[in-house]
Amino acid sequence: PYYVDLNQNLFLQASLHSSDPNLVVFVDTCVASPDPSNFRTLTYELIRSGCVKDPTYSSYYSPYGNVARFAFNAFSFVNRYPSVYLQCELVVCRYNDYSSRCYKGCVSRFKRNAGS
């Protein structure tokens, strides 16, 4: 566990450990939950499909492509839950492959009309 005060900036870093220097990492989705085994019922989205959902979420520059850095303000779920758990999905891509998911940023999925 990592203890922080409410609204304190929480800085995170994800590192890809690989011998291939031509790989980059991208934070696609991060979801918080008060239950470490359930990220579907009571959740809070920080970032989804590369689109920032929480106004306190920020990504930070890293001089290394295999490191993703980001931060957000610590929060609680209605003060009824003593802990908040974070589940993040990261994407690994080839460096300079601009058609890959890592270089697309925020991807909005549009629903199509099921009519004729």
Protein backbone atom coordinates (compact mmCIF):
# COMPACT_ATOMS: atom_id res chain seq x y z
CA PRO A 1 0.00 0.00 0.00
CA TYR A 2 0.94 3.58 -0.63
CA TYR A 3 -0.58 6.18 1.67
CA VAL A 4 -1.45 9.67 0.44
CA ASP A 5 -3.66 12.51 1.58
CA LEU A 6 -6.78 13.47 -0.35
CA ASN A 7 -6.05 15.73 -3.33
CA GLN A 8 -2.34 15.07 -3.03
CA ASN A 9 -0.61 14.62 -6.40
CA LEU A 10 0.16 10.98 -6.99
CA PHE A 11 2.96 10.40 -9.51
CA LEU A 12 3.32 7.05 -11.27
CA GLN A 13 5.76 5.57 -13.72
CA ALA A 14 5.48 2.40 -15.78
CA SER A 15 8.63 0.91 -17.28
CA LEU A 16 8.98 -1.68 -19.99
CA HIS A 17 11.91 -3.98 -19.33
CA SER A 18 13.08 -5.31 -22.68
CA SER A 19 16.35 -5.72 -24.50
CA ASP A 20 14.72 -4.20 -27.62
CA PRO A 21 15.43 -0.44 -27.61
CA ASN A 22 12.91 0.15 -30.41
CA LEU A 23 9.83 -0.32 -28.23
CA VAL A 24 7.71 2.43 -26.68
CA VAL A 25 4.99 2.24 -24.06
CA PHE A 26 1.68 4.13 -24.00
CA VAL A 27 -0.88 4.48 -21.18
CA ASP A 28 -4.18 3.50 -22.79
CA THR A 29 -6.58 3.05 -19.85
CA CYS A 30 -6.47 3.50 -16.06
CA VAL A 31 -9.48 2.73 -13.90
CA ALA A 32 -9.78 3.03 -10.11
CA SER A 33 -11.95 0.90 -7.84
CA PRO A 34 -12.44 0.42 -4.10
CA ASP A 35 -12.46 -3.36 -4.72
CA PRO A 36 -9.21 -4.95 -5.98
CA SER A 37 -11.12 -7.84 -7.56
CA ASN A 38 -13.87 -5.84 -9.29
CA PHE A 39 -13.10 -3.11 -11.82
CA ARG A 40 -16.60 -3.14 -13.37
CA THR A 41 -19.17 -2.21 -10.72
CA LEU A 42 -18.02 0.86 -8.77
CA THR A 43 -15.24 2.46 -10.79
CA TYR A 44 -13.74 5.79 -11.67
CA GLU A 45 -12.00 6.32 -15.00
CA LEU A 46 -8.82 8.37 -15.11
CA ILE A 47 -8.07 7.68 -18.77
CA ARG A 48 -9.91 5.46 -21.29
CA SER A 49 -8.64 4.60 -24.80
CA GLY A 50 -6.04 7.34 -24.44
CA CYS A 51 -8.73 9.95 -23.65
CA VAL A 52 -8.30 11.75 -20.34
CA LYS A 53 -11.45 11.45 -18.19
CA ASP A 54 -10.22 13.00 -14.94
CA PRO A 55 -9.31 16.71 -15.01
CA THR A 56 -6.40 16.16 -12.61
CA TYR A 57 -4.77 13.49 -14.81
CA SER A 58 -1.57 14.59 -16.53
CA SER A 59 0.98 12.72 -18.56
CA TYR A 60 4.60 13.74 -18.19
CA TYR A 61 7.51 13.75 -20.58
CA SER A 62 9.98 10.91 -20.30
CA PRO A 63 13.32 10.95 -22.14
CA TYR A 64 12.92 7.19 -22.59
CA GLY A 65 10.29 5.64 -24.86
CA ASN A 66 10.07 2.57 -22.65
CA VAL A 67 8.89 4.67 -19.68
CA ALA A 68 5.42 6.23 -19.27
CA ARG A 69 4.93 8.86 -16.56
CA PHE A 70 1.63 10.24 -15.33
CA ALA A 71 -0.04 11.75 -12.27
CA PHE A 72 -3.45 12.50 -10.79
CA ASN A 73 -4.90 13.84 -7.53
CA ALA A 74 -5.61 11.24 -4.88
CA PHE A 75 -9.30 10.72 -4.15
CA SER A 76 -11.63 8.45 -2.20
CA PHE A 77 -14.88 6.70 -3.06
CA VAL A 78 -17.43 8.64 -0.95
CA ASN A 79 -15.28 8.19 2.20
CA ARG A 80 -16.79 4.74 2.74
CA TYR A 81 -13.84 2.80 1.37
CA PRO A 82 -10.42 2.99 3.02
CA SER A 83 -8.48 2.09 -0.15
CA VAL A 84 -8.47 2.84 -3.84
CA TYR A 85 -7.02 0.33 -6.29
CA LEU A 86 -5.72 1.21 -9.73
CA GLN A 87 -5.76 -0.99 -12.83
CA CYS A 88 -3.98 0.30 -15.94
CA GLU A 89 -3.67 -1.05 -19.45
CA LEU A 90 -0.55 -0.11 -21.36
CA VAL A 91 0.27 -0.67 -25.01
CA VAL A 92 3.70 -1.54 -26.36
CA CYS A 93 4.54 -0.46 -29.91
CA ARG A 94 7.48 -0.14 -32.27
CA TYR A 95 9.31 3.17 -32.08
CA ASN A 96 8.32 5.50 -34.96
CA ASP A 97 5.45 3.25 -36.14
CA TYR A 98 3.02 6.12 -36.50
CA SER A 99 0.18 3.81 -37.55
CA SER A 100 0.39 1.98 -34.20
CA ARG A 101 -1.90 2.53 -31.21
CA CYS A 102 0.84 4.34 -29.27
CA TYR A 103 0.90 7.25 -31.70
CA LYS A 104 -2.87 7.70 -32.14
CA GLY A 105 -3.49 9.28 -28.71
CA CYS A 106 -7.16 9.64 -27.76
CA VAL A 107 -9.36 7.24 -29.72
CA SER A 108 -13.09 7.94 -29.55
CA ARG A 109 -15.30 5.10 -30.58
CA PHE A 110 -18.41 6.23 -32.37
CA LYS A 111 -21.57 4.15 -32.37
CA ARG A 112 -23.15 3.46 -35.71
CA ASN A 113 -26.84 3.62 -36.44
CA ALA A 114 -28.23 0.07 -36.56
CA GLY A 115 -31.04 1.19 -38.86
CA SER A 116 -31.27 0.35 -42.56
